[in-house]
Amino acid sequence: MHKITQILLFALVAMFSVPASAVLITSSGDAALAGSGLIDFTGTPTQNASSFSFGDITFSTTGGTLRIAPFGEGGSGWMGSGQTLTTRDTTAPSSLTIDFGTSVSAFGMNWGAANPSWSVDLYDTSNSLLESLVFLGGSTGASFSEFYGASNLDIARVELTTIGGGFDWVIVDDFQYVTSGVSPVPEPSPLALLGLGLLVLGFVHKKKLS
């Protein structure tokens, strides 16, 4: 009984100590995007602004402005139609931040015309970094027309920045997102886990003495 309890305790500690990893999404048909909402930017007038909001989702940049413009303004050869969101008028390093008013479990978008790769930092509702991913650009051998996104339990903000700190004109369209239906479970602290272990071991010791 003592060994079984220890095994169960170690399994419990391992389960709570290993955070869920983000998964890179490379297809609009990914199962994680099932039932997703869609922002296609169509219907939004051509304009520049430091941020654009659609419902409770906000797209912004830290330097220069983002631009809503007709598909094809930045060239052709990638996925998209109607109006698109671009980083044409950002300043180096080009950046794109996506804030979700309600956390999501997955998101994805048509990602066109990227030259360098972009770093992608995912944050949860506590502003803790979940994971960092990379969206590959054409200069690293990727296609200039990709679908990129990520899935995780509790994504509240995404920060994208050009790797290398340069300027890049990226075209974003057909942004998909899945609102998270699961409340995030806080990771137990080491002291809390230690306390739980001591309680279980104390209980086992008491049972052996009785």
C-alpha atoms as a PDB file:
ATOM      1  CA  MET A   1       0.000   0.000   0.000  1.00  0.00           C
ATOM      2  CA  HIS A   2       2.878   2.341   0.837  1.00  0.00           C
ATOM      3  CA  LYS A   3       4.592   1.895  -2.555  1.00  0.00           C
ATOM      4  CA  ILE A   4       1.341   2.288  -4.485  1.00  0.00           C
ATOM      5  CA  THR A   5       0.618   5.551  -2.697  1.00  0.00           C
ATOM      6  CA  GLN A   6       4.083   6.861  -3.509  1.00  0.00           C
ATOM      7  CA  ILE A   7       3.666   5.957  -7.175  1.00  0.00           C
ATOM      8  CA  LEU A   8       0.322   7.747  -7.294  1.00  0.00           C
ATOM      9  CA  LEU A   9       1.845  10.794  -5.623  1.00  0.00           C
ATOM     10  CA  PHE A  10       4.748  10.958  -8.078  1.00  0.00           C
ATOM     11  CA  ALA A  11       2.319  10.642 -10.994  1.00  0.00           C
ATOM     12  CA  LEU A  12       0.206  13.468  -9.574  1.00  0.00           C
ATOM     13  CA  VAL A  13       3.239  15.720  -9.197  1.00  0.00           C
ATOM     14  CA  ALA A  14       4.388  14.980 -12.734  1.00  0.00           C
ATOM     15  CA  MET A  15       0.944  15.670 -14.149  1.00  0.00           C
ATOM     16  CA  PHE A  16       0.712  19.114 -12.552  1.00  0.00           C
ATOM     17  CA  SER A  17       4.350  20.069 -13.049  1.00  0.00           C
ATOM     18  CA  VAL A  18       4.489  19.679 -16.850  1.00  0.00           C
ATOM     19  CA  PRO A  19       2.722  22.560 -18.635  1.00  0.00           C
ATOM     20  CA  ALA A  20       0.861  21.939 -21.884  1.00  0.00           C
ATOM     21  CA  SER A  21       2.969  22.717 -24.942  1.00  0.00           C
ATOM     22  CA  ALA A  22       1.837  24.922 -27.783  1.00  0.00           C
ATOM     23  CA  VAL A  23       1.391  23.209 -31.132  1.00  0.00           C
ATOM     24  CA  LEU A  24       2.205  24.921 -34.426  1.00  0.00           C
ATOM     25  CA  ILE A  25      -0.740  24.926 -36.850  1.00  0.00           C
ATOM     26  CA  THR A  26       0.011  24.893 -40.590  1.00  0.00           C
ATOM     27  CA  SER A  27      -3.411  24.170 -42.108  1.00  0.00           C
ATOM     28  CA  SER A  28      -6.798  25.888 -41.998  1.00  0.00           C
ATOM     29  CA  GLY A  29      -8.266  22.379 -41.757  1.00  0.00           C
ATOM     30  CA  ASP A  30      -6.439  21.556 -38.515  1.00  0.00           C
ATOM     31  CA  ALA A  31      -8.756  19.845 -36.019  1.00  0.00           C
ATOM     32  CA  ALA A  32      -7.858  22.446 -33.380  1.00  0.00           C
ATOM     33  CA  LEU A  33      -9.620  25.083 -35.512  1.00  0.00           C
ATOM     34  CA  ALA A  34     -12.923  23.197 -35.766  1.00  0.00           C
ATOM     35  CA  GLY A  35     -15.839  25.563 -35.156  1.00  0.00           C
ATOM     36  CA  SER A  36     -13.596  28.621 -35.387  1.00  0.00           C
ATOM     37  CA  GLY A  37     -14.720  32.213 -35.795  1.00  0.00           C
ATOM     38  CA  LEU A  38     -13.422  34.190 -38.781  1.00  0.00           C
ATOM     39  CA  ILE A  39     -12.135  37.716 -39.344  1.00  0.00           C
ATOM     40  CA  ASP A  40     -11.628  38.342 -43.072  1.00  0.00           C
ATOM     41  CA  PHE A  41     -11.177  42.162 -42.847  1.00  0.00           C
ATOM     42  CA  THR A  42     -13.604  42.574 -45.765  1.00  0.00           C
ATOM     43  CA  GLY A  43     -15.966  45.468 -45.156  1.00  0.00           C
ATOM     44  CA  THR A  44     -13.302  47.480 -43.352  1.00  0.00           C
ATOM     45  CA  PRO A  45     -12.341  50.614 -45.320  1.00  0.00           C
ATOM     46  CA  THR A  46      -8.781  50.991 -46.567  1.00  0.00           C
ATOM     47  CA  GLN A  47      -6.958  52.879 -43.818  1.00  0.00           C
ATOM     48  CA  ASN A  48      -3.951  53.012 -41.505  1.00  0.00           C
ATOM     49  CA  ALA A  49      -4.019  52.868 -37.710  1.00  0.00           C
ATOM     50  CA  SER A  50      -1.825  51.706 -34.843  1.00  0.00           C
ATOM     51  CA  SER A  51      -4.537  49.174 -33.949  1.00  0.00           C
ATOM     52  CA  PHE A  52      -7.722  47.625 -35.332  1.00  0.00           C
ATOM     53  CA  SER A  53     -10.389  45.892 -33.227  1.00  0.00           C
ATOM     54  CA  PHE A  54     -12.883  43.288 -34.393  1.00  0.00           C
ATOM     55  CA  GLY A  55     -15.195  42.355 -31.552  1.00  0.00           C
ATOM     56  CA  ASP A  56     -12.923  41.695 -28.578  1.00  0.00           C
ATOM     57  CA  ILE A  57      -9.869  40.883 -30.728  1.00  0.00           C
ATOM     58  CA  THR A  58      -7.360  43.678 -31.328  1.00  0.00           C
ATOM     59  CA  PHE A  59      -4.485  43.761 -33.813  1.00  0.00           C
ATOM     60  CA  SER A  60      -1.781  46.347 -33.089  1.00  0.00           C
ATOM     61  CA  THR A  61       1.853  47.241 -33.739  1.00  0.00           C
ATOM     62  CA  THR A  62       4.541  48.855 -31.600  1.00  0.00           C
ATOM     63  CA  GLY A  63       6.067  50.929 -34.405  1.00  0.00           C
ATOM     64  CA  GLY A  64       4.405  52.767 -37.269  1.00  0.00           C
ATOM     65  CA  THR A  65       0.924  51.660 -38.299  1.00  0.00           C
ATOM     66  CA  LEU A  66      -0.916  48.625 -39.570  1.00  0.00           C
ATOM     67  CA  ARG A  67      -2.840  48.933 -42.812  1.00  0.00           C
ATOM     68  CA  ILE A  68      -6.143  47.535 -44.063  1.00  0.00           C
ATOM     69  CA  ALA A  69      -5.870  47.395 -47.841  1.00  0.00           C
ATOM     70  CA  PRO A  70      -7.233  45.509 -50.858  1.00  0.00           C
ATOM     71  CA  PHE A  71      -5.714  42.119 -51.576  1.00  0.00           C
ATOM     72  CA  GLY A  72      -3.028  42.509 -54.212  1.00  0.00           C
ATOM     73  CA  GLU A  73      -1.719  45.859 -53.011  1.00  0.00           C
ATOM     74  CA  GLY A  74       1.456  44.155 -51.885  1.00  0.00           C
ATOM     75  CA  GLY A  75       1.702  41.873 -54.895  1.00  0.00           C
ATOM     76  CA  SER A  76       0.200  38.482 -55.702  1.00  0.00           C
ATOM     77  CA  GLY A  77       1.093  34.838 -55.349  1.00  0.00           C
ATOM     78  CA  TRP A  78      -0.277  34.112 -51.881  1.00  0.00           C
ATOM     79  CA  MET A  79      -3.601  33.287 -50.258  1.00  0.00           C
ATOM     80  CA  GLY A  80      -6.148  36.024 -49.681  1.00  0.00           C
ATOM     81  CA  SER A  81      -9.052  38.016 -51.082  1.00  0.00           C
ATOM     82  CA  GLY A  82     -10.971  41.221 -50.444  1.00  0.00           C
ATOM     83  CA  GLN A  83      -9.464  43.426 -47.752  1.00  0.00           C
ATOM     84  CA  THR A  84      -6.352  42.288 -45.874  1.00  0.00           C
ATOM     85  CA  LEU A  85      -4.303  43.384 -42.864  1.00  0.00           C
ATOM     86  CA  THR A  86      -0.685  44.281 -43.649  1.00  0.00           C
ATOM     87  CA  THR A  87       2.469  45.435 -41.874  1.00  0.00           C
ATOM     88  CA  ARG A  88       3.435  47.609 -44.859  1.00  0.00           C
ATOM     89  CA  ASP A  89       3.712  50.796 -42.809  1.00  0.00           C
ATOM     90  CA  THR A  90       5.307  49.413 -39.657  1.00  0.00           C
ATOM     91  CA  THR A  91       8.814  50.446 -38.650  1.00  0.00           C
ATOM     92  CA  ALA A  92      11.697  48.068 -38.010  1.00  0.00           C
ATOM     93  CA  PRO A  93      11.497  45.744 -36.262  1.00  0.00           C
ATOM     94  CA  SER A  94       8.099  45.029 -37.787  1.00  0.00           C
ATOM     95  CA  SER A  95       5.663  43.727 -35.197  1.00  0.00           C
ATOM     96  CA  LEU A  96       2.115  42.479 -34.879  1.00  0.00           C
ATOM     97  CA  THR A  97       0.373  41.937 -31.540  1.00  0.00           C
ATOM     98  CA  ILE A  98      -2.945  40.128 -31.242  1.00  0.00           C
ATOM     99  CA  ASP A  99      -4.901  40.604 -27.997  1.00  0.00           C
ATOM    100  CA  PHE A 100      -7.845  38.323 -27.275  1.00  0.00           C
ATOM    101  CA  GLY A 101     -10.482  39.781 -24.959  1.00  0.00           C
ATOM    102  CA  THR A 102     -11.525  36.186 -24.290  1.00  0.00           C
ATOM    103  CA  SER A 103      -8.715  33.640 -24.327  1.00  0.00           C
ATOM    104  CA  VAL A 104      -8.562  31.203 -27.230  1.00  0.00           C
ATOM    105  CA  SER A 105      -7.439  27.604 -27.559  1.00  0.00           C
ATOM    106  CA  ALA A 106      -6.289  28.009 -31.159  1.00  0.00           C
ATOM    107  CA  PHE A 107      -5.810  30.583 -33.895  1.00  0.00           C
ATOM    108  CA  GLY A 108      -4.549  30.611 -37.462  1.00  0.00           C
ATOM    109  CA  MET A 109      -4.284  32.893 -40.502  1.00  0.00           C
ATOM    110  CA  ASN A 110      -3.220  33.176 -44.110  1.00  0.00           C
ATOM    111  CA  TRP A 111       0.343  34.475 -43.790  1.00  0.00           C
ATOM    112  CA  GLY A 112       1.706  35.848 -47.056  1.00  0.00           C
ATOM    113  CA  ALA A 113       4.754  37.641 -48.426  1.00  0.00           C
ATOM    114  CA  ALA A 114       6.951  37.171 -45.346  1.00  0.00           C
ATOM    115  CA  ASN A 115      10.669  37.375 -46.110  1.00  0.00           C
ATOM    116  CA  PRO A 116      12.423  36.809 -42.758  1.00  0.00           C
ATOM    117  CA  SER A 117      11.052  34.409 -40.180  1.00  0.00           C
ATOM    118  CA  TRP A 118       9.011  35.852 -37.316  1.00  0.00           C
ATOM    119  CA  SER A 119       9.224  34.981 -33.630  1.00  0.00           C
ATOM    120  CA  VAL A 120       5.839  34.199 -32.072  1.00  0.00           C
ATOM    121  CA  ASP A 121       5.412  34.532 -28.296  1.00  0.00           C
ATOM    122  CA  LEU A 122       2.213  33.188 -26.723  1.00  0.00           C
ATOM    123  CA  TYR A 123       0.992  34.594 -23.388  1.00  0.00           C
ATOM    124  CA  ASP A 124      -1.806  33.443 -21.092  1.00  0.00           C
ATOM    125  CA  THR A 125      -4.345  35.489 -19.127  1.00  0.00           C
ATOM    126  CA  SER A 126      -1.805  35.900 -16.293  1.00  0.00           C
ATOM    127  CA  ASN A 127       0.644  37.475 -18.776  1.00  0.00           C
ATOM    128  CA  SER A 128       2.946  34.481 -18.401  1.00  0.00           C
ATOM    129  CA  LEU A 129       4.842  33.272 -21.455  1.00  0.00           C
ATOM    130  CA  LEU A 130       3.361  29.968 -22.579  1.00  0.00           C
ATOM    131  CA  GLU A 131       5.799  29.219 -25.372  1.00  0.00           C
ATOM    132  CA  SER A 132       7.754  30.732 -28.252  1.00  0.00           C
ATOM    133  CA  LEU A 133       7.343  29.470 -31.809  1.00  0.00           C
ATOM    134  CA  VAL A 134       8.619  30.541 -35.241  1.00  0.00           C
ATOM    135  CA  PHE A 135       6.690  31.323 -38.421  1.00  0.00           C
ATOM    136  CA  LEU A 136       9.187  30.633 -41.208  1.00  0.00           C
ATOM    137  CA  GLY A 137       9.649  33.202 -43.974  1.00  0.00           C
ATOM    138  CA  GLY A 138      10.605  32.932 -47.623  1.00  0.00           C
ATOM    139  CA  SER A 139      14.254  33.761 -46.959  1.00  0.00           C
ATOM    140  CA  THR A 140      14.538  30.543 -44.937  1.00  0.00           C
ATOM    141  CA  GLY A 141      13.053  28.338 -47.634  1.00  0.00           C
ATOM    142  CA  ALA A 142       9.369  28.519 -46.724  1.00  0.00           C
ATOM    143  CA  SER A 143       6.698  29.399 -49.243  1.00  0.00           C
ATOM    144  CA  PHE A 144       5.629  33.036 -49.514  1.00  0.00           C
ATOM    145  CA  SER A 145       2.068  31.800 -49.012  1.00  0.00           C
ATOM    146  CA  GLU A 146       1.621  29.895 -45.753  1.00  0.00           C
ATOM    147  CA  PHE A 147      -1.092  29.185 -43.201  1.00  0.00           C
ATOM    148  CA  TYR A 148       0.244  29.599 -39.670  1.00  0.00           C
ATOM    149  CA  GLY A 149      -1.217  29.502 -36.194  1.00  0.00           C
ATOM    150  CA  ALA A 150      -0.925  27.764 -32.843  1.00  0.00           C
ATOM    151  CA  SER A 151      -2.986  25.941 -30.253  1.00  0.00           C
ATOM    152  CA  ASN A 152      -2.750  25.950 -26.470  1.00  0.00           C
ATOM    153  CA  LEU A 153      -5.214  25.896 -23.603  1.00  0.00           C
ATOM    154  CA  ASP A 154      -5.244  29.581 -22.688  1.00  0.00           C
ATOM    155  CA  ILE A 155      -3.878  32.038 -25.268  1.00  0.00           C
ATOM    156  CA  ALA A 156      -4.660  35.644 -24.345  1.00  0.00           C
ATOM    157  CA  ARG A 157      -2.054  37.491 -26.389  1.00  0.00           C
ATOM    158  CA  VAL A 158       0.284  36.783 -29.287  1.00  0.00           C
ATOM    159  CA  GLU A 159       3.351  38.921 -29.995  1.00  0.00           C
ATOM    160  CA  LEU A 160       4.970  38.519 -33.421  1.00  0.00           C
ATOM    161  CA  THR A 161       8.258  40.214 -34.335  1.00  0.00           C
ATOM    162  CA  THR A 162      10.677  39.881 -37.238  1.00  0.00           C
ATOM    163  CA  ILE A 163      13.710  37.787 -36.335  1.00  0.00           C
ATOM    164  CA  GLY A 164      16.773  39.915 -36.923  1.00  0.00           C
ATOM    165  CA  GLY A 165      14.991  43.163 -36.194  1.00  0.00           C
ATOM    166  CA  GLY A 166      14.328  44.243 -39.777  1.00  0.00           C
ATOM    167  CA  PHE A 167      11.293  45.502 -41.656  1.00  0.00           C
ATOM    168  CA  ASP A 168       8.945  43.025 -43.316  1.00  0.00           C
ATOM    169  CA  TRP A 169       5.776  43.535 -45.326  1.00  0.00           C
ATOM    170  CA  VAL A 170       3.465  40.675 -44.315  1.00  0.00           C
ATOM    171  CA  ILE A 171      -0.107  40.233 -45.522  1.00  0.00           C
ATOM    172  CA  VAL A 172      -2.617  38.599 -43.139  1.00  0.00           C
ATOM    173  CA  ASP A 173      -6.083  37.392 -44.147  1.00  0.00           C
ATOM    174  CA  ASP A 174      -8.860  35.022 -43.030  1.00  0.00           C
ATOM    175  CA  PHE A 175      -7.902  35.042 -39.353  1.00  0.00           C
ATOM    176  CA  GLN A 176      -9.464  32.089 -37.513  1.00  0.00           C
ATOM    177  CA  TYR A 177      -9.832  31.656 -33.744  1.00  0.00           C
ATOM    178  CA  VAL A 178     -11.440  29.243 -31.297  1.00  0.00           C
ATOM    179  CA  THR A 179     -12.610  30.638 -27.980  1.00  0.00           C
ATOM    180  CA  SER A 180     -11.267  28.573 -25.100  1.00  0.00           C
ATOM    181  CA  GLY A 181     -13.990  26.652 -23.296  1.00  0.00           C
ATOM    182  CA  VAL A 182     -11.676  25.460 -20.541  1.00  0.00           C
ATOM    183  CA  SER A 183     -10.750  27.541 -17.527  1.00  0.00           C
ATOM    184  CA  PRO A 184      -6.974  27.543 -17.018  1.00  0.00           C
ATOM    185  CA  VAL A 185      -5.763  25.536 -14.029  1.00  0.00           C
ATOM    186  CA  PRO A 186      -2.943  27.295 -12.150  1.00  0.00           C
ATOM    187  CA  GLU A 187       0.239  25.299 -11.815  1.00  0.00           C
ATOM    188  CA  PRO A 188       0.836  24.270  -8.182  1.00  0.00           C
ATOM    189  CA  SER A 189       3.873  25.819  -6.547  1.00  0.00           C
ATOM    190  CA  PRO A 190       6.725  23.556  -5.381  1.00  0.00           C
ATOM    191  CA  LEU A 191       5.779  24.248  -1.741  1.00  0.00           C
ATOM    192  CA  ALA A 192       2.185  23.225  -2.370  1.00  0.00           C
ATOM    193  CA  LEU A 193       3.324  19.991  -3.987  1.00  0.00           C
ATOM    194  CA  LEU A 194       5.718  19.330  -1.109  1.00  0.00           C
ATOM    195  CA  GLY A 195       2.918  19.898   1.384  1.00  0.00           C
ATOM    196  CA  LEU A 196       0.670  17.485  -0.482  1.00  0.00           C
ATOM    197  CA  GLY A 197       3.403  14.879  -0.484  1.00  0.00           C
ATOM    198  CA  LEU A 198       3.989  15.222   3.241  1.00  0.00           C
ATOM    199  CA  LEU A 199       0.276  14.884   3.962  1.00  0.00           C
ATOM    200  CA  VAL A 200       0.023  11.669   1.948  1.00  0.00           C
ATOM    201  CA  LEU A 201       3.163  10.169   3.444  1.00  0.00           C
ATOM    202  CA  GLY A 202       2.002  11.120   6.943  1.00  0.00           C
ATOM    203  CA  PHE A 203      -1.324   9.407   6.333  1.00  0.00           C
ATOM    204  CA  VAL A 204       0.440   6.251   5.134  1.00  0.00           C
ATOM    205  CA  HIS A 205       2.747   6.274   8.179  1.00  0.00           C
ATOM    206  CA  LYS A 206      -0.252   6.621  10.518  1.00  0.00           C
ATOM    207  CA  LYS A 207      -2.021   3.716   8.864  1.00  0.00           C
ATOM    208  CA  LYS A 208       1.036   1.524   9.300  1.00  0.00           C
ATOM    209  CA  LEU A 209       1.232   2.308  13.031  1.00  0.00           C
ATOM    210  CA  SER A 210      -2.468   1.621  13.666  1.00  0.00           C
END
